Amino acid sequence: MKMRVAVLLAVFAVFCAADDQKCAPDGLMSSLTESVASTVVEKVTLSCISVPSRGYQAECPKGYKAICCSCTNAGCYWDISNDQTCLCQCAKPISTTVNRIGVIARCCKIAM
């Protein structure tokens, strides 16, 4: 990547040196930026998994971030702790023997 930046700067310098008029870097830099950005975006992938758990919390594996959660009991709401753990929080204590509590974490990571 450093080599590409060096080559781009060299092309920019040659372009400006060869131009008799005032060098207009905005147009050149804009097109170079768009080219580099589209190359990077083409190589990026988003990988998501669901992690179910019994109890009040589900943790995403290392490298993944929790983006959404689901609590299996209607009386509960969810929260994300440390970008990695889904927590079901209930207004009233719920007996886990009568009502099964569970949480599902939706975990994603960006890869190149």
PDB file of N, CA and C in Angstrom:
ATOM      1  N   MET A   1       0.831  -1.192   0.000  1.00  0.00           N
ATOM      2  CA  MET A   1       0.000   0.000   0.000  1.00  0.00           C
ATOM      3  C   MET A   1       0.875   1.255   0.000  1.00  0.00           C
ATOM      4  N   LYS A   2       1.995   1.242   0.764  1.00  0.00           N
ATOM      5  CA  LYS A   2       2.890   2.398   0.795  1.00  0.00           C
ATOM      6  C   LYS A   2       3.491   2.648  -0.580  1.00  0.00           C
ATOM      7  N   MET A   3       3.781   1.565  -1.292  1.00  0.00           N
ATOM      8  CA  MET A   3       4.360   1.701  -2.621  1.00  0.00           C
ATOM      9  C   MET A   3       3.370   2.368  -3.567  1.00  0.00           C
ATOM     10  N   ARG A   4       2.093   2.006  -3.454  1.00  0.00           N
ATOM     11  CA  ARG A   4       1.070   2.618  -4.301  1.00  0.00           C
ATOM     12  C   ARG A   4       0.968   4.120  -4.047  1.00  0.00           C
ATOM     13  N   VAL A   5       1.026   4.506  -2.791  1.00  0.00           N
ATOM     14  CA  VAL A   5       0.956   5.927  -2.446  1.00  0.00           C
ATOM     15  C   VAL A   5       2.152   6.664  -3.036  1.00  0.00           C
ATOM     16  N   ALA A   6       3.333   6.063  -2.938  1.00  0.00           N
ATOM     17  CA  ALA A   6       4.535   6.681  -3.494  1.00  0.00           C
ATOM     18  C   ALA A   6       4.418   6.845  -5.004  1.00  0.00           C
ATOM     19  N   VAL A   7       3.915   5.833  -5.686  1.00  0.00           N
ATOM     20  CA  VAL A   7       3.734   5.904  -7.136  1.00  0.00           C
ATOM     21  C   VAL A   7       2.719   6.981  -7.495  1.00  0.00           C
ATOM     22  N   LEU A   8       1.633   7.052  -6.742  1.00  0.00           N
ATOM     23  CA  LEU A   8       0.611   8.072  -7.007  1.00  0.00           C
ATOM     24  C   LEU A   8       1.182   9.477  -6.827  1.00  0.00           C
ATOM     25  N   LEU A   9       1.986   9.666  -5.796  1.00  0.00           N
ATOM     26  CA  LEU A   9       2.605  10.975  -5.583  1.00  0.00           C
ATOM     27  C   LEU A   9       3.588  11.312  -6.705  1.00  0.00           C
ATOM     28  N   ALA A  10       4.310  10.310  -7.189  1.00  0.00           N
ATOM     29  CA  ALA A  10       5.250  10.530  -8.296  1.00  0.00           C
ATOM     30  C   ALA A  10       4.494  10.927  -9.561  1.00  0.00           C
ATOM     31  N   VAL A  11       3.394  10.263  -9.846  1.00  0.00           N
ATOM     32  CA  VAL A  11       2.566  10.600 -11.012  1.00  0.00           C
ATOM     33  C   VAL A  11       2.042  12.020 -10.872  1.00  0.00           C
ATOM     34  N   PHE A  12       1.616  12.361  -9.684  1.00  0.00           N
ATOM     35  CA  PHE A  12       1.115  13.711  -9.415  1.00  0.00           C
ATOM     36  C   PHE A  12       2.206  14.755  -9.668  1.00  0.00           C
ATOM     37  N   ALA A  13       3.425  14.500  -9.194  1.00  0.00           N
ATOM     38  CA  ALA A  13       4.535  15.441  -9.373  1.00  0.00           C
ATOM     39  C   ALA A  13       4.871  15.616 -10.854  1.00  0.00           C
ATOM     40  N   VAL A  14       4.905  14.517 -11.612  1.00  0.00           N
ATOM     41  CA  VAL A  14       5.188  14.585 -13.048  1.00  0.00           C
ATOM     42  C   VAL A  14       4.086  15.364 -13.759  1.00  0.00           C
ATOM     43  N   PHE A  15       2.851  15.111 -13.377  1.00  0.00           N
ATOM     44  CA  PHE A  15       1.704  15.792 -13.982  1.00  0.00           C
ATOM     45  C   PHE A  15       1.820  17.297 -13.776  1.00  0.00           C
ATOM     46  N   CYS A  16       2.157  17.726 -12.559  1.00  0.00           N
ATOM     47  CA  CYS A  16       2.268  19.149 -12.246  1.00  0.00           C
ATOM     48  C   CYS A  16       3.474  19.781 -12.940  1.00  0.00           C
ATOM     49  N   ALA A  17       4.588  19.049 -13.023  1.00  0.00           N
ATOM     50  CA  ALA A  17       5.800  19.586 -13.650  1.00  0.00           C
ATOM     51  C   ALA A  17       5.610  19.764 -15.154  1.00  0.00           C
ATOM     52  N   ALA A  18       4.845  18.903 -15.795  1.00  0.00           N
ATOM     53  CA  ALA A  18       4.640  18.941 -17.234  1.00  0.00           C
ATOM     54  C   ALA A  18       3.607  19.988 -17.643  1.00  0.00           C
ATOM     55  N   ASP A  19       2.821  20.456 -16.712  1.00  0.00           N
ATOM     56  CA  ASP A  19       1.757  21.410 -17.017  1.00  0.00           C
ATOM     57  C   ASP A  19       2.302  22.835 -16.939  1.00  0.00           C
ATOM     58  N   ASP A  20       2.192  23.574 -18.059  1.00  0.00           N
ATOM     59  CA  ASP A  20       2.667  24.957 -18.081  1.00  0.00           C
ATOM     60  C   ASP A  20       1.764  25.875 -17.267  1.00  0.00           C
ATOM     61  N   GLN A  21       0.490  25.529 -17.214  1.00  0.00           N
ATOM     62  CA  GLN A  21      -0.449  26.354 -16.471  1.00  0.00           C
ATOM     63  C   GLN A  21      -0.392  25.996 -15.000  1.00  0.00           C
ATOM     64  N   LYS A  22      -1.207  26.687 -14.229  1.00  0.00           N
ATOM     65  CA  LYS A  22      -1.266  26.413 -12.789  1.00  0.00           C
ATOM     66  C   LYS A  22      -1.694  24.960 -12.565  1.00  0.00           C
ATOM     67  N   CYS A  23      -0.984  24.258 -11.715  1.00  0.00           N
ATOM     68  CA  CYS A  23      -1.300  22.855 -11.427  1.00  0.00           C
ATOM     69  C   CYS A  23      -2.615  22.775 -10.661  1.00  0.00           C
ATOM     70  N   ALA A  24      -3.522  21.944 -11.140  1.00  0.00           N
ATOM     71  CA  ALA A  24      -4.829  21.790 -10.495  1.00  0.00           C
ATOM     72  C   ALA A  24      -4.906  20.413  -9.850  1.00  0.00           C
ATOM     73  N   PRO A  25      -4.449  20.282  -8.601  1.00  0.00           N
ATOM     74  CA  PRO A  25      -4.407  18.971  -7.958  1.00  0.00           C
ATOM     75  C   PRO A  25      -5.773  18.421  -7.564  1.00  0.00           C
ATOM     76  N   ASP A  26      -6.776  19.288  -7.428  1.00  0.00           N
ATOM     77  CA  ASP A  26      -8.080  18.819  -6.965  1.00  0.00           C
ATOM     78  C   ASP A  26      -8.679  17.752  -7.870  1.00  0.00           C
ATOM     79  N   GLY A  27      -8.670  17.997  -9.173  1.00  0.00           N
ATOM     80  CA  GLY A  27      -9.245  17.027 -10.106  1.00  0.00           C
ATOM     81  C   GLY A  27      -8.491  15.712 -10.106  1.00  0.00           C
ATOM     82  N   LEU A  28      -7.162  15.806 -10.131  1.00  0.00           N
ATOM     83  CA  LEU A  28      -6.332  14.604 -10.138  1.00  0.00           C
ATOM     84  C   LEU A  28      -6.493  13.825  -8.840  1.00  0.00           C
ATOM     85  N   MET A  29      -6.412  14.515  -7.710  1.00  0.00           N
ATOM     86  CA  MET A  29      -6.538  13.839  -6.418  1.00  0.00           C
ATOM     87  C   MET A  29      -7.921  13.223  -6.255  1.00  0.00           C
ATOM     88  N   SER A  30      -8.937  13.915  -6.751  1.00  0.00           N
ATOM     89  CA  SER A  30     -10.295  13.391  -6.651  1.00  0.00           C
ATOM     90  C   SER A  30     -10.422  12.076  -7.413  1.00  0.00           C
ATOM     91  N   SER A  31      -9.909  12.034  -8.644  1.00  0.00           N
ATOM     92  CA  SER A  31     -10.011  10.801  -9.431  1.00  0.00           C
ATOM     93  C   SER A  31      -9.152   9.687  -8.841  1.00  0.00           C
ATOM     94  N   LEU A  32      -7.971  10.030  -8.319  1.00  0.00           N
ATOM     95  CA  LEU A  32      -7.123   9.024  -7.681  1.00  0.00           C
ATOM     96  C   LEU A  32      -7.780   8.473  -6.417  1.00  0.00           C
ATOM     97  N   THR A  33      -8.390   9.361  -5.628  1.00  0.00           N
ATOM     98  CA  THR A  33      -9.069   8.943  -4.405  1.00  0.00           C
ATOM     99  C   THR A  33     -10.228   8.017  -4.725  1.00  0.00           C
ATOM    100  N   GLU A  34     -11.012   8.365  -5.743  1.00  0.00           N
ATOM    101  CA  GLU A  34     -12.137   7.513  -6.138  1.00  0.00           C
ATOM    102  C   GLU A  34     -11.651   6.145  -6.599  1.00  0.00           C
ATOM    103  N   SER A  35     -10.564   6.116  -7.347  1.00  0.00           N
ATOM    104  CA  SER A  35     -10.020   4.851  -7.838  1.00  0.00           C
ATOM    105  C   SER A  35      -9.555   3.959  -6.691  1.00  0.00           C
ATOM    106  N   VAL A  36      -8.812   4.543  -5.754  1.00  0.00           N
ATOM    107  CA  VAL A  36      -8.319   3.777  -4.603  1.00  0.00           C
ATOM    108  C   VAL A  36      -9.486   3.308  -3.744  1.00  0.00           C
ATOM    109  N   ALA A  37     -10.454   4.192  -3.504  1.00  0.00           N
ATOM    110  CA  ALA A  37     -11.609   3.838  -2.675  1.00  0.00           C
ATOM    111  C   ALA A  37     -12.410   2.705  -3.300  1.00  0.00           C
ATOM    112  N   SER A  38     -12.629   2.744  -4.612  1.00  0.00           N
ATOM    113  CA  SER A  38     -13.412   1.672  -5.238  1.00  0.00           C
ATOM    114  C   SER A  38     -12.669   0.344  -5.187  1.00  0.00           C
ATOM    115  N   THR A  39     -11.342   0.376  -5.286  1.00  0.00           N
ATOM    116  CA  THR A  39     -10.553  -0.860  -5.183  1.00  0.00           C
ATOM    117  C   THR A  39     -10.664  -1.453  -3.783  1.00  0.00           C
ATOM    118  N   VAL A  40     -10.606  -0.611  -2.762  1.00  0.00           N
ATOM    119  CA  VAL A  40     -10.709  -1.081  -1.381  1.00  0.00           C
ATOM    120  C   VAL A  40     -12.107  -1.646  -1.114  1.00  0.00           C
ATOM    121  N   VAL A  41     -13.140  -0.940  -1.565  1.00  0.00           N
ATOM    122  CA  VAL A  41     -14.516  -1.379  -1.321  1.00  0.00           C
ATOM    123  C   VAL A  41     -14.792  -2.724  -1.981  1.00  0.00           C
ATOM    124  N   GLU A  42     -14.213  -2.971  -3.134  1.00  0.00           N
ATOM    125  CA  GLU A  42     -14.402  -4.244  -3.823  1.00  0.00           C
ATOM    126  C   GLU A  42     -13.851  -5.422  -3.019  1.00  0.00           C
ATOM    127  N   LYS A  43     -12.841  -5.182  -2.203  1.00  0.00           N
ATOM    128  CA  LYS A  43     -12.190  -6.254  -1.459  1.00  0.00           C
ATOM    129  C   LYS A  43     -12.748  -6.454  -0.053  1.00  0.00           C
ATOM    130  N   VAL A  44     -13.629  -5.579   0.394  1.00  0.00           N
ATOM    131  CA  VAL A  44     -14.173  -5.654   1.744  1.00  0.00           C
ATOM    132  C   VAL A  44     -15.404  -6.566   1.766  1.00  0.00           C
ATOM    133  N   THR A  45     -15.471  -7.430   2.769  1.00  0.00           N
ATOM    134  CA  THR A  45     -16.650  -8.286   2.943  1.00  0.00           C
ATOM    135  C   THR A  45     -17.180  -8.139   4.366  1.00  0.00           C
ATOM    136  N   LEU A  46     -18.471  -8.296   4.508  1.00  0.00           N
ATOM    137  CA  LEU A  46     -19.115  -8.252   5.811  1.00  0.00           C
ATOM    138  C   LEU A  46     -19.586  -9.665   6.128  1.00  0.00           C
ATOM    139  N   SER A  47     -19.121 -10.193   7.240  1.00  0.00           N
ATOM    140  CA  SER A  47     -19.465 -11.542   7.662  1.00  0.00           C
ATOM    141  C   SER A  47     -20.256 -11.465   8.968  1.00  0.00           C
ATOM    142  N   CYS A  48     -21.466 -12.041   8.980  1.00  0.00           N
ATOM    143  CA  CYS A  48     -22.316 -11.989  10.170  1.00  0.00           C
ATOM    144  C   CYS A  48     -22.756 -13.396  10.590  1.00  0.00           C
ATOM    145  N   ILE A  49     -22.875 -13.583  11.903  1.00  0.00           N
ATOM    146  CA  ILE A  49     -23.347 -14.850  12.456  1.00  0.00           C
ATOM    147  C   ILE A  49     -24.321 -14.556  13.593  1.00  0.00           C
ATOM    148  N   SER A  50     -25.162 -15.534  13.911  1.00  0.00           N
ATOM    149  CA  SER A  50     -26.056 -15.437  15.065  1.00  0.00           C
ATOM    150  C   SER A  50     -25.513 -16.343  16.162  1.00  0.00           C
ATOM    151  N   VAL A  51     -25.481 -15.819  17.389  1.00  0.00           N
ATOM    152  CA  VAL A  51     -24.969 -16.577  18.528  1.00  0.00           C
ATOM    153  C   VAL A  51     -26.083 -16.678  19.573  1.00  0.00           C
ATOM    154  N   PRO A  52     -26.744 -17.848  19.646  1.00  0.00           N
ATOM    155  CA  PRO A  52     -27.793 -18.022  20.662  1.00  0.00           C
ATOM    156  C   PRO A  52     -27.205 -18.453  22.003  1.00  0.00           C
ATOM    157  N   SER A  53     -27.909 -18.116  23.070  1.00  0.00           N
ATOM    158  CA  SER A  53     -27.452 -18.504  24.395  1.00  0.00           C
ATOM    159  C   SER A  53     -28.648 -18.606  25.331  1.00  0.00           C
ATOM    160  N   ARG A  54     -28.598 -19.557  26.245  1.00  0.00           N
ATOM    161  CA  ARG A  54     -29.604 -19.628  27.306  1.00  0.00           C
ATOM    162  C   ARG A  54     -29.158 -18.690  28.418  1.00  0.00           C
ATOM    163  N   GLY A  55     -30.089 -18.114  29.086  1.00  0.00           N
ATOM    164  CA  GLY A  55     -29.741 -17.184  30.149  1.00  0.00           C
ATOM    165  C   GLY A  55     -29.942 -15.753  29.688  1.00  0.00           C
ATOM    166  N   TYR A  56     -29.239 -14.835  30.328  1.00  0.00           N
ATOM    167  CA  TYR A  56     -29.452 -13.415  30.101  1.00  0.00           C
ATOM    168  C   TYR A  56     -28.427 -12.746  29.193  1.00  0.00           C
ATOM    169  N   GLN A  57     -27.410 -13.471  28.733  1.00  0.00           N
ATOM    170  CA  GLN A  57     -26.419 -12.824  27.875  1.00  0.00           C
ATOM    171  C   GLN A  57     -25.843 -13.776  26.842  1.00  0.00           C
ATOM    172  N   ALA A  58     -25.424 -13.186  25.719  1.00  0.00           N
ATOM    173  CA  ALA A  58     -24.745 -13.922  24.650  1.00  0.00           C
ATOM    174  C   ALA A  58     -23.559 -13.077  24.206  1.00  0.00           C
ATOM    175  N   GLU A  59     -22.409 -13.716  24.046  1.00  0.00           N
ATOM    176  CA  GLU A  59     -21.191 -12.985  23.699  1.00  0.00           C
ATOM    177  C   GLU A  59     -20.723 -13.340  22.300  1.00  0.00           C
ATOM    178  N   CYS A  60     -20.360 -12.333  21.544  1.00  0.00           N
ATOM    179  CA  CYS A  60     -19.833 -12.539  20.198  1.00  0.00           C
ATOM    180  C   CYS A  60     -18.407 -13.081  20.283  1.00  0.00           C
ATOM    181  N   PRO A  61     -18.018 -13.908  19.315  1.00  0.00           N
ATOM    182  CA  PRO A  61     -16.641 -14.415  19.290  1.00  0.00           C
ATOM    183  C   PRO A  61     -15.641 -13.272  19.057  1.00  0.00           C
ATOM    184  N   LYS A  62     -14.391 -13.536  19.369  1.00  0.00           N
ATOM    185  CA  LYS A  62     -13.330 -12.546  19.190  1.00  0.00           C
ATOM    186  C   LYS A  62     -13.281 -12.093  17.726  1.00  0.00           C
ATOM    187  N   GLY A  63     -13.163 -10.803  17.538  1.00  0.00           N
ATOM    188  CA  GLY A  63     -13.109 -10.248  16.191  1.00  0.00           C
ATOM    189  C   GLY A  63     -14.460  -9.787  15.666  1.00  0.00           C
ATOM    190  N   TYR A  64     -15.538 -10.195  16.308  1.00  0.00           N
ATOM    191  CA  TYR A  64     -16.887  -9.806  15.904  1.00  0.00           C
ATOM    192  C   TYR A  64     -17.417  -8.736  16.847  1.00  0.00           C
ATOM    193  N   LYS A  65     -18.328  -7.914  16.356  1.00  0.00           N
ATOM    194  CA  LYS A  65     -18.993  -6.901  17.166  1.00  0.00           C
ATOM    195  C   LYS A  65     -20.495  -7.179  17.142  1.00  0.00           C
ATOM    196  N   ALA A  66     -21.140  -7.015  18.295  1.00  0.00           N
ATOM    197  CA  ALA A  66     -22.590  -7.186  18.376  1.00  0.00           C
ATOM    198  C   ALA A  66     -23.259  -5.988  17.721  1.00  0.00           C
ATOM    199  N   ILE A  67     -24.166  -6.251  16.771  1.00  0.00           N
ATOM    200  CA  ILE A  67     -24.873  -5.152  16.127  1.00  0.00           C
ATOM    201  C   ILE A  67     -26.354  -5.142  16.478  1.00  0.00           C
ATOM    202  N   CYS A  68     -26.858  -6.286  16.958  1.00  0.00           N
ATOM    203  CA  CYS A  68     -28.264  -6.392  17.307  1.00  0.00           C
ATOM    204  C   CYS A  68     -28.442  -7.594  18.222  1.00  0.00           C
ATOM    205  N   CYS A  69     -29.497  -7.561  19.036  1.00  0.00           N
ATOM    206  CA  CYS A  69     -29.776  -8.655  19.955  1.00  0.00           C
ATOM    207  C   CYS A  69     -31.270  -8.957  19.925  1.00  0.00           C
ATOM    208  N   SER A  70     -31.612 -10.115  20.449  1.00  0.00           N
ATOM    209  CA  SER A  70     -33.011 -10.482  20.584  1.00  0.00           C
ATOM    210  C   SER A  70     -33.193 -11.266  21.873  1.00  0.00           C
ATOM    211  N   CYS A  71     -34.174 -10.854  22.687  1.00  0.00           N
ATOM    212  CA  CYS A  71     -34.508 -11.582  23.911  1.00  0.00           C
ATOM    213  C   CYS A  71     -35.738 -12.435  23.626  1.00  0.00           C
ATOM    214  N   THR A  72     -35.719 -13.664  24.107  1.00  0.00           N
ATOM    215  CA  THR A  72     -36.833 -14.568  23.813  1.00  0.00           C
ATOM    216  C   THR A  72     -38.042 -14.340  24.705  1.00  0.00           C
ATOM    217  N   ASN A  73     -37.928 -13.521  25.729  1.00  0.00           N
ATOM    218  CA  ASN A  73     -39.062 -13.232  26.601  1.00  0.00           C
ATOM    219  C   ASN A  73     -39.562 -11.822  26.293  1.00  0.00           C
ATOM    220  N   ALA A  74     -40.870 -11.697  26.069  1.00  0.00           N
ATOM    221  CA  ALA A  74     -41.444 -10.413  25.656  1.00  0.00           C
ATOM    222  C   ALA A  74     -41.325  -9.332  26.723  1.00  0.00           C
ATOM    223  N   GLY A  75     -41.148  -9.708  27.982  1.00  0.00           N
ATOM    224  CA  GLY A  75     -41.048  -8.719  29.052  1.00  0.00           C
ATOM    225  C   GLY A  75     -39.658  -8.147  29.228  1.00  0.00           C
ATOM    226  N   CYS A  76     -38.764  -8.457  28.325  1.00  0.00           N
ATOM    227  CA  CYS A  76     -37.371  -8.027  28.470  1.00  0.00           C
ATOM    228  C   CYS A  76     -36.970  -7.134  27.297  1.00  0.00           C
ATOM    229  N   TYR A  77     -35.954  -6.336  27.514  1.00  0.00           N
ATOM    230  CA  TYR A  77     -35.360  -5.557  26.435  1.00  0.00           C
ATOM    231  C   TYR A  77     -33.872  -5.860  26.423  1.00  0.00           C
ATOM    232  N   TRP A  78     -33.213  -5.527  25.338  1.00  0.00           N
ATOM    233  CA  TRP A  78     -31.804  -5.864  25.211  1.00  0.00           C
ATOM    234  C   TRP A  78     -30.920  -4.638  25.209  1.00  0.00           C
ATOM    235  N   ASP A  79     -29.660  -4.899  25.525  1.00  0.00           N
ATOM    236  CA  ASP A  79     -28.632  -3.859  25.547  1.00  0.00           C
ATOM    237  C   ASP A  79     -27.321  -4.509  25.116  1.00  0.00           C
ATOM    238  N   ILE A  80     -26.443  -3.722  24.536  1.00  0.00           N
ATOM    239  CA  ILE A  80     -25.128  -4.229  24.122  1.00  0.00           C
ATOM    240  C   ILE A  80     -24.065  -3.639  25.041  1.00  0.00           C
ATOM    241  N   SER A  81     -23.254  -4.518  25.618  1.00  0.00           N
ATOM    242  CA  SER A  81     -22.187  -4.115  26.521  1.00  0.00           C
ATOM    243  C   SER A  81     -20.836  -4.359  25.860  1.00  0.00           C
ATOM    244  N   ASN A  82     -19.944  -3.381  25.925  1.00  0.00           N
ATOM    245  CA  ASN A  82     -18.582  -3.502  25.386  1.00  0.00           C
ATOM    246  C   ASN A  82     -18.528  -3.871  23.907  1.00  0.00           C
ATOM    247  N   ASP A  83     -19.535  -3.522  23.148  1.00  0.00           N
ATOM    248  CA  ASP A  83     -19.608  -3.824  21.702  1.00  0.00           C
ATOM    249  C   ASP A  83     -19.585  -5.318  21.395  1.00  0.00           C
ATOM    250  N   GLN A  84     -19.641  -6.171  22.411  1.00  0.00           N
ATOM    251  CA  GLN A  84     -19.473  -7.592  22.160  1.00  0.00           C
ATOM    252  C   GLN A  84     -20.494  -8.491  22.865  1.00  0.00           C
ATOM    253  N   THR A  85     -21.162  -8.001  23.873  1.00  0.00           N
ATOM    254  CA  THR A  85     -22.056  -8.846  24.663  1.00  0.00           C
ATOM    255  C   THR A  85     -23.483  -8.315  24.622  1.00  0.00           C
ATOM    256  N   CYS A  86     -24.428  -9.183  24.269  1.00  0.00           N
ATOM    257  CA  CYS A  86     -25.844  -8.845  24.306  1.00  0.00           C
ATOM    258  C   CYS A  86     -26.405  -9.246  25.666  1.00  0.00           C
ATOM    259  N   LEU A  87     -27.104  -8.314  26.306  1.00  0.00           N
ATOM    260  CA  LEU A  87     -27.691  -8.564  27.622  1.00  0.00           C
ATOM    261  C   LEU A  87     -29.201  -8.376  27.555  1.00  0.00           C
ATOM    262  N   CYS A  88     -29.949  -9.354  28.077  1.00  0.00           N
ATOM    263  CA  CYS A  88     -31.392  -9.200  28.227  1.00  0.00           C
ATOM    264  C   CYS A  88     -31.640  -8.626  29.614  1.00  0.00           C
ATOM    265  N   GLN A  89     -32.376  -7.537  29.661  1.00  0.00           N
ATOM    266  CA  GLN A  89     -32.700  -6.914  30.934  1.00  0.00           C
ATOM    267  C   GLN A  89     -34.216  -6.924  31.081  1.00  0.00           C
ATOM    268  N   CYS A  90     -34.667  -7.479  32.194  1.00  0.00           N
ATOM    269  CA  CYS A  90     -36.096  -7.651  32.414  1.00  0.00           C
ATOM    270  C   CYS A  90     -36.560  -6.789  33.577  1.00  0.00           C
ATOM    271  N   ALA A  91     -37.757  -6.218  33.456  1.00  0.00           N
ATOM    272  CA  ALA A  91     -38.298  -5.357  34.504  1.00  0.00           C
ATOM    273  C   ALA A  91     -38.563  -6.146  35.785  1.00  0.00           C
ATOM    274  N   LYS A  92     -39.050  -7.367  35.634  1.00  0.00           N
ATOM    275  CA  LYS A  92     -39.336  -8.228  36.794  1.00  0.00           C
ATOM    276  C   LYS A  92     -38.428  -9.447  36.739  1.00  0.00           C
ATOM    277  N   PRO A  93     -38.022  -9.947  37.885  1.00  0.00           N
ATOM    278  CA  PRO A  93     -37.253 -11.201  37.881  1.00  0.00           C
ATOM    279  C   PRO A  93     -38.110 -12.326  37.282  1.00  0.00           C
ATOM    280  N   ILE A  94     -37.514 -13.110  36.435  1.00  0.00           N
ATOM    281  CA  ILE A  94     -38.240 -14.195  35.772  1.00  0.00           C
ATOM    282  C   ILE A  94     -37.620 -15.521  36.177  1.00  0.00           C
ATOM    283  N   SER A  95     -38.475 -16.440  36.555  1.00  0.00           N
ATOM    284  CA  SER A  95     -37.999 -17.778  36.913  1.00  0.00           C
ATOM    285  C   SER A  95     -37.576 -18.492  35.638  1.00  0.00           C
ATOM    286  N   THR A  96     -36.318 -18.886  35.574  1.00  0.00           N
ATOM    287  CA  THR A  96     -35.828 -19.569  34.378  1.00  0.00           C
ATOM    288  C   THR A  96     -36.374 -20.989  34.264  1.00  0.00           C
ATOM    289  N   THR A  97     -36.955 -21.515  35.352  1.00  0.00           N
ATOM    290  CA  THR A  97     -37.537 -22.856  35.263  1.00  0.00           C
ATOM    291  C   THR A  97     -38.915 -22.799  34.607  1.00  0.00           C
ATOM    292  N   VAL A  98     -39.661 -21.701  34.795  1.00  0.00           N
ATOM    293  CA  VAL A  98     -40.988 -21.570  34.196  1.00  0.00           C
ATOM    294  C   VAL A  98     -40.892 -20.970  32.799  1.00  0.00           C
ATOM    295  N   ASN A  99     -40.234 -19.854  32.690  1.00  0.00           N
ATOM    296  CA  ASN A  99     -40.065 -19.171  31.403  1.00  0.00           C
ATOM    297  C   ASN A  99     -38.611 -19.275  30.986  1.00  0.00           C
ATOM    298  N   ARG A 100     -38.386 -19.892  29.889  1.00  0.00           N
ATOM    299  CA  ARG A 100     -37.004 -20.010  29.423  1.00  0.00           C
ATOM    300  C   ARG A 100     -36.536 -18.679  28.858  1.00  0.00           C
ATOM    301  N   ILE A 101     -35.475 -18.195  29.424  1.00  0.00           N
ATOM    302  CA  ILE A 101     -34.879 -16.955  28.955  1.00  0.00           C
ATOM    303  C   ILE A 101     -33.778 -17.317  27.963  1.00  0.00           C
ATOM    304  N   GLY A 102     -33.675 -16.544  26.952  1.00  0.00           N
ATOM    305  CA  GLY A 102     -32.602 -16.738  25.989  1.00  0.00           C
ATOM    306  C   GLY A 102     -32.327 -15.440  25.276  1.00  0.00           C
ATOM    307  N   VAL A 103     -31.161 -15.359  24.743  1.00  0.00           N
ATOM    308  CA  VAL A 103     -30.772 -14.173  23.992  1.00  0.00           C
ATOM    309  C   VAL A 103     -30.022 -14.636  22.752  1.00  0.00           C
ATOM    310  N   ILE A 104     -30.229 -13.908  21.675  1.00  0.00           N
ATOM    311  CA  ILE A 104     -29.506 -14.187  20.436  1.00  0.00           C
ATOM    312  C   ILE A 104     -28.757 -12.916  20.061  1.00  0.00           C
ATOM    313  N   ALA A 105     -27.466 -13.048  19.895  1.00  0.00           N
ATOM    314  CA  ALA A 105     -26.637 -11.920  19.474  1.00  0.00           C
ATOM    315  C   ALA A 105     -26.385 -12.035  17.976  1.00  0.00           C
ATOM    316  N   ARG A 106     -26.538 -10.934  17.269  1.00  0.00           N
ATOM    317  CA  ARG A 106     -26.160 -10.886  15.852  1.00  0.00           C
ATOM    318  C   ARG A 106     -24.805 -10.214  15.817  1.00  0.00           C
ATOM    319  N   CYS A 107     -23.798 -10.973  15.378  1.00  0.00           N
ATOM    320  CA  CYS A 107     -22.412 -10.531  15.431  1.00  0.00           C
ATOM    321  C   CYS A 107     -21.834 -10.410  14.020  1.00  0.00           C
ATOM    322  N   CYS A 108     -21.140  -9.309  13.753  1.00  0.00           N
ATOM    323  CA  CYS A 108     -20.579  -9.084  12.428  1.00  0.00           C
ATOM    324  C   CYS A 108     -19.122  -8.635  12.522  1.00  0.00           C
ATOM    325  N   LYS A 109     -18.393  -8.885  11.439  1.00  0.00           N
ATOM    326  CA  LYS A 109     -17.023  -8.375  11.325  1.00  0.00           C
ATOM    327  C   LYS A 109     -16.773  -8.011   9.871  1.00  0.00           C
ATOM    328  N   ILE A 110     -15.868  -7.062   9.686  1.00  0.00           N
ATOM    329  CA  ILE A 110     -15.478  -6.628   8.351  1.00  0.00           C
ATOM    330  C   ILE A 110     -14.129  -7.276   8.053  1.00  0.00           C
ATOM    331  N   ALA A 111     -14.017  -7.865   6.873  1.00  0.00           N
ATOM    332  CA  ALA A 111     -12.773  -8.520   6.491  1.00  0.00           C
ATOM    333  C   ALA A 111     -12.337  -8.027   5.113  1.00  0.00           C
ATOM    334  N   MET A 112     -11.035  -8.089   4.886  1.00  0.00           N
ATOM    335  CA  MET A 112     -10.484  -7.691   3.579  1.00  0.00           C
ATOM    336  C   MET A 112     -10.077  -8.937   2.818  1.00  0.00           C
TER     337      MET A 112
END
